[in-house]
Amino acid sequence: MRSEHSKVIGIVGGMGPQAGLALYENIILNTSALVDQQHLSVVLMAFPGNIEDRTLFLEGKVKANPAHEIVNIIKKLVCSGASVIGIACNTSHSAAIFDVITAEIGKIANKPTLLNMPGEVCCSILRNHPGISKIGLMTTNGTYSSGLYKNMLQERGYEVVIPDFIFQNEVIHRMVYDPEIGIKANPTRIADEVWSLFERAIAFFKENNAEAIILGCTEFSLLLKDSEIEGIRIIDSTKCLAMALVAAATVSTSLVETYTQK
């Protein structure tokens, strides 16, 4: 049976429809367990109707910062016993949102360990793919415009491959947000048009000699389970966060503190 010292994982879901579920599934897949009792305790909460769209907020199209409702969910998770938290949404880690979340979390009496999804992705690349130097980004417009991944990667010495905004908006962002064919509108069945757009995106990164592509939106995790395509390494942000949550929930307190400050 798993150690009584294992921490309870909390997942903030609902951004988009299957984001929290995909993160939970990846936690299960990346846990070493032979029987039910060896799996980690996980609390998943999703209140999608309460959280404004992150990209629309960053674009100035909605006024309410989704950070406040995310914090409310984190507080509920803590009350349910969770002490290691992951937010199943890349865009919510943009500074305008995430800085508010971390500031509010600091006021909670039983302050949880809050992992940073893009930060964990960068650490995973450094740790597991030391030969990679040129990385492509597939993100929503909110993450794209905020420079979230781009800045983190460049600070670590990586060359970043991103398209111009027209390609970003009409191909990559459209895969997620198009009201008719987008993944958010059709989470259980990926439209043929999305697969065509995905092929165009992969072709762009291949033409620009990307050695790896970060799936920097949880919806993209639904498109591809392979670790490589067209000779390009695929880095799934959902899987990276799941593995970090498993590690943070199972190591000692002192190691968790070191781990989350990478």
Protein backbone atom coordinates (compact mmCIF):
# COMPACT_ATOMS: atom_id res chain seq x y z
CA MET A 1 0.00 0.00 0.00
CA ARG A 2 1.20 3.53 -0.79
CA SER A 3 2.86 5.46 2.00
CA GLU A 4 0.57 7.38 4.32
CA HIS A 5 2.84 10.36 3.73
CA SER A 6 1.75 10.67 0.08
CA LYS A 7 0.07 13.99 -0.58
CA VAL A 8 -3.37 14.44 -2.13
CA ILE A 9 -3.28 15.93 -5.64
CA GLY A 10 -5.80 18.61 -6.57
CA ILE A 11 -6.72 19.35 -10.19
CA VAL A 12 -8.36 22.58 -11.33
CA GLY A 13 -10.33 21.42 -14.37
CA GLY A 14 -12.98 22.85 -16.67
CA MET A 15 -10.58 24.66 -19.04
CA GLY A 16 -11.51 23.18 -21.66
CA PRO A 17 -14.02 20.35 -21.52
CA GLN A 18 -11.60 17.42 -21.15
CA ALA A 19 -8.53 19.18 -19.74
CA GLY A 20 -8.92 18.02 -16.15
CA LEU A 21 -9.84 14.50 -17.22
CA ALA A 22 -6.78 14.27 -19.48
CA LEU A 23 -4.53 15.41 -16.63
CA TYR A 24 -6.05 12.85 -14.26
CA GLU A 25 -5.61 10.10 -16.85
CA ASN A 26 -1.95 11.04 -17.25
CA ILE A 27 -1.46 10.94 -13.49
CA ILE A 28 -2.78 7.37 -13.47
CA LEU A 29 -0.65 6.36 -16.45
CA ASN A 30 2.50 7.78 -14.85
CA THR A 31 2.00 6.23 -11.40
CA SER A 32 3.80 2.99 -10.56
CA ALA A 33 1.03 0.84 -9.08
CA LEU A 34 0.04 -2.82 -9.14
CA VAL A 35 -3.25 -2.55 -7.23
CA ASP A 36 -5.90 0.12 -6.67
CA GLN A 37 -4.58 1.06 -3.27
CA GLN A 38 -1.17 2.05 -4.66
CA HIS A 39 -2.62 4.84 -6.79
CA LEU A 40 -2.51 8.41 -5.56
CA SER A 41 -5.46 10.26 -4.06
CA VAL A 42 -6.74 12.88 -6.50
CA VAL A 43 -9.47 15.49 -6.21
CA LEU A 44 -10.68 16.90 -9.53
CA MET A 45 -12.94 19.94 -9.54
CA ALA A 46 -14.40 21.59 -12.63
CA PHE A 47 -16.68 24.63 -12.55
CA PRO A 48 -16.37 25.73 -16.19
CA GLY A 49 -19.34 28.09 -16.05
CA ASN A 50 -17.62 30.17 -13.38
CA ILE A 51 -14.30 30.75 -15.17
CA GLU A 52 -14.02 33.32 -17.93
CA ASP A 53 -12.13 32.32 -21.06
CA ARG A 54 -8.44 32.92 -20.47
CA THR A 55 -7.58 34.01 -24.01
CA LEU A 56 -10.52 36.42 -24.19
CA PHE A 57 -9.37 37.98 -20.92
CA LEU A 58 -5.80 38.40 -22.15
CA GLU A 59 -7.11 39.95 -25.36
CA GLY A 60 -9.18 42.44 -23.35
CA LYS A 61 -12.50 41.04 -24.58
CA VAL A 62 -13.75 40.15 -21.09
CA LYS A 63 -13.00 42.14 -17.94
CA ALA A 64 -13.17 39.53 -15.18
CA ASN A 65 -9.80 37.96 -14.46
CA PRO A 66 -10.31 34.16 -14.40
CA ALA A 67 -7.65 34.01 -11.68
CA HIS A 68 -10.20 34.76 -8.96
CA GLU A 69 -12.48 31.83 -9.77
CA ILE A 70 -9.45 29.55 -10.17
CA VAL A 71 -8.37 30.58 -6.66
CA ASN A 72 -11.87 29.78 -5.36
CA ILE A 73 -11.55 26.27 -6.77
CA ILE A 74 -8.09 25.85 -5.27
CA LYS A 75 -9.51 26.81 -1.89
CA LYS A 76 -12.18 24.13 -2.29
CA LEU A 77 -9.49 21.60 -3.24
CA VAL A 78 -7.49 22.47 -0.13
CA CYS A 79 -10.61 22.05 2.02
CA SER A 80 -10.99 18.61 0.43
CA GLY A 81 -7.48 17.65 1.56
CA ALA A 82 -5.42 18.48 -1.53
CA SER A 83 -1.97 19.94 -0.89
CA VAL A 84 -0.34 19.60 -4.32
CA ILE A 85 -2.22 21.53 -7.03
CA GLY A 86 -2.11 21.51 -10.83
CA ILE A 87 -4.12 23.81 -13.10
CA ALA A 88 -5.13 21.99 -16.28
CA CYS A 89 -4.78 25.01 -18.56
CA ASN A 90 -1.64 26.50 -20.08
CA THR A 91 -3.02 29.97 -20.74
CA SER A 92 -3.97 30.43 -17.08
CA HIS A 93 -0.23 30.46 -16.34
CA SER A 94 0.25 33.73 -18.24
CA ALA A 95 1.53 36.40 -15.86
CA ALA A 96 -1.65 38.51 -15.86
CA ILE A 97 -3.55 35.51 -14.50
CA PHE A 98 -0.99 33.34 -12.70
CA ASP A 99 0.58 36.17 -10.71
CA VAL A 100 -2.82 36.93 -9.20
CA ILE A 101 -3.36 33.25 -8.40
CA THR A 102 -0.01 32.86 -6.64
CA ALA A 103 -0.53 36.06 -4.66
CA GLU A 104 -3.93 34.87 -3.43
CA ILE A 105 -2.67 31.35 -2.70
CA GLY A 106 -0.06 32.87 -0.42
CA LYS A 107 -2.86 34.09 1.85
CA ILE A 108 -4.34 30.62 2.43
CA ALA A 109 -3.68 29.25 5.90
CA ASN A 110 -2.83 25.75 4.64
CA LYS A 111 -0.86 27.00 1.65
CA PRO A 112 -0.71 24.27 -1.02
CA THR A 113 2.15 23.55 -3.40
CA LEU A 114 1.07 25.01 -6.75
CA LEU A 115 2.98 23.69 -9.76
CA ASN A 116 3.63 25.81 -12.84
CA MET A 117 2.73 23.86 -15.97
CA PRO A 118 5.00 25.69 -18.50
CA GLY A 119 7.81 25.66 -15.94
CA GLU A 120 7.47 21.89 -15.57
CA VAL A 121 7.51 21.51 -19.36
CA CYS A 122 10.80 23.41 -19.60
CA CYS A 123 12.31 21.38 -16.76
CA SER A 124 11.21 18.16 -18.44
CA ILE A 125 12.91 19.15 -21.69
CA LEU A 126 16.13 20.07 -19.90
CA ARG A 127 16.08 16.81 -17.97
CA ASN A 128 14.95 14.36 -20.65
CA HIS A 129 16.00 15.90 -23.97
CA PRO A 130 19.42 17.54 -23.46
CA GLY A 131 20.26 17.43 -27.18
CA ILE A 132 17.33 19.56 -28.28
CA SER A 133 17.97 23.23 -29.01
CA LYS A 134 15.21 24.37 -31.42
CA ILE A 135 11.61 24.12 -30.21
CA GLY A 136 8.30 24.92 -31.87
CA LEU A 137 5.21 26.12 -30.02
CA MET A 138 1.59 25.17 -30.59
CA THR A 139 -0.53 27.34 -28.30
CA THR A 140 -3.72 29.37 -28.22
CA ASN A 141 -3.60 33.07 -29.10
CA GLY A 142 -3.62 34.04 -25.43
CA THR A 143 -0.48 32.07 -24.64
CA TYR A 144 1.06 33.12 -27.97
CA SER A 145 0.52 36.85 -27.33
CA SER A 146 1.67 36.68 -23.70
CA GLY A 147 5.03 35.19 -24.74
CA LEU A 148 4.71 32.75 -21.84
CA TYR A 149 6.52 29.75 -23.31
CA LYS A 150 8.68 31.81 -25.65
CA ASN A 151 10.20 33.81 -22.81
CA MET A 152 10.79 30.77 -20.59
CA LEU A 153 12.49 28.86 -23.38
CA GLN A 154 14.65 31.75 -24.55
CA GLU A 155 15.80 32.39 -20.98
CA ARG A 156 17.06 28.80 -20.97
CA GLY A 157 18.93 29.24 -24.24
CA TYR A 158 16.52 27.56 -26.67
CA GLU A 159 15.76 28.81 -30.16
CA VAL A 160 11.98 29.14 -30.44
CA VAL A 161 9.98 28.52 -33.63
CA ILE A 162 6.64 30.29 -33.82
CA PRO A 163 4.53 31.26 -36.84
CA ASP A 164 3.46 34.77 -37.77
CA PHE A 165 0.16 35.83 -36.25
CA ILE A 166 -1.90 35.12 -39.38
CA PHE A 167 -0.82 31.46 -39.46
CA GLN A 168 -1.14 31.28 -35.67
CA ASN A 169 -4.70 32.61 -35.74
CA GLU A 170 -6.01 30.88 -38.86
CA VAL A 171 -4.37 27.48 -38.36
CA ILE A 172 -3.17 26.74 -34.83
CA HIS A 173 -5.61 28.78 -32.72
CA ARG A 174 -8.49 27.82 -35.01
CA MET A 175 -7.98 24.13 -34.22
CA VAL A 176 -9.06 24.89 -30.66
CA TYR A 177 -11.46 27.83 -30.87
CA ASP A 178 -13.31 27.61 -34.18
CA PRO A 179 -17.01 27.58 -33.15
CA GLU A 180 -17.90 24.85 -35.65
CA ILE A 181 -14.85 22.59 -36.08
CA GLY A 182 -12.72 23.50 -33.05
CA ILE A 183 -11.77 20.99 -30.35
CA LYS A 184 -13.57 22.99 -27.66
CA ALA A 185 -16.79 22.70 -29.67
CA ASN A 186 -16.23 19.00 -30.44
CA PRO A 187 -14.16 17.48 -27.61
CA THR A 188 -15.32 13.89 -28.16
CA ARG A 189 -14.83 13.79 -31.92
CA ILE A 190 -12.00 15.62 -33.65
CA ALA A 191 -13.26 17.13 -36.90
CA ASP A 192 -11.55 16.21 -40.17
CA GLU A 193 -10.80 19.89 -40.75
CA VAL A 194 -8.84 20.01 -37.50
CA TRP A 195 -6.66 17.11 -38.63
CA SER A 196 -5.98 19.00 -41.88
CA LEU A 197 -4.98 22.11 -39.95
CA PHE A 198 -2.81 19.98 -37.68
CA GLU A 199 -0.96 18.58 -40.70
CA ARG A 200 -0.33 22.14 -41.92
CA ALA A 201 1.03 23.08 -38.50
CA ILE A 202 3.38 20.09 -38.39
CA ALA A 203 4.58 20.90 -41.91
CA PHE A 204 5.37 24.47 -40.83
CA PHE A 205 7.50 23.32 -37.88
CA LYS A 206 9.26 20.70 -40.01
CA GLU A 207 10.08 23.28 -42.70
CA ASN A 208 11.54 25.50 -39.98
CA ASN A 209 13.71 22.68 -38.60
CA ALA A 210 12.08 22.40 -35.20
CA GLU A 211 13.54 19.47 -33.25
CA ALA A 212 10.60 19.37 -30.85
CA ILE A 213 7.10 20.81 -30.58
CA ILE A 214 5.46 21.75 -27.30
CA LEU A 215 1.73 21.05 -27.22
CA GLY A 216 1.10 24.20 -25.21
CA CYS A 217 -2.66 23.87 -24.92
CA THR A 218 -4.46 21.03 -23.16
CA GLU A 219 -6.75 20.57 -26.18
CA PHE A 220 -3.78 19.64 -28.35
CA SER A 221 -3.10 16.75 -25.98
CA LEU A 222 -6.28 15.14 -27.37
CA LEU A 223 -4.83 15.17 -30.89
CA LEU A 224 -1.63 13.25 -30.44
CA LYS A 225 -0.45 10.50 -28.09
CA ASP A 226 2.75 9.69 -29.97
CA SER A 227 6.08 10.96 -28.66
CA GLU A 228 7.32 11.75 -32.16
CA ILE A 229 5.87 12.74 -35.53
CA GLU A 230 7.67 13.44 -38.81
CA GLY A 231 10.95 13.03 -36.93
CA ILE A 232 10.02 15.80 -34.46
CA ARG A 233 9.83 15.13 -30.72
CA ILE A 234 6.41 15.92 -29.23
CA ILE A 235 6.34 17.44 -25.75
CA ASP A 236 2.88 17.12 -24.18
CA SER A 237 2.36 19.78 -21.49
CA THR A 238 -0.39 17.72 -19.85
CA LYS A 239 1.89 14.71 -19.45
CA CYS A 240 4.72 16.89 -18.11
CA LEU A 241 2.46 18.39 -15.45
CA ALA A 242 1.07 14.98 -14.53
CA MET A 243 4.53 13.53 -13.98
CA ALA A 244 5.52 16.55 -11.88
CA LEU A 245 2.39 16.19 -9.75
CA VAL A 246 3.10 12.51 -9.16
CA ALA A 247 6.66 13.32 -8.11
CA ALA A 248 5.60 16.20 -5.85
CA ALA A 249 2.93 14.08 -4.18
CA THR A 250 5.24 11.18 -3.39
CA VAL A 251 8.56 12.74 -2.35
CA SER A 252 9.34 14.15 1.09
CA THR A 253 8.28 17.67 2.05
CA SER A 254 11.82 19.02 1.80
CA LEU A 255 12.20 17.62 -1.70
CA VAL A 256 8.85 19.07 -2.79
CA GLU A 257 9.97 22.53 -1.72
CA THR A 258 13.15 22.17 -3.77
CA TYR A 259 11.29 20.66 -6.72
CA THR A 260 8.73 23.44 -7.07
CA GLN A 261 11.35 26.19 -7.03
CA LYS A 262 13.11 25.02 -10.20
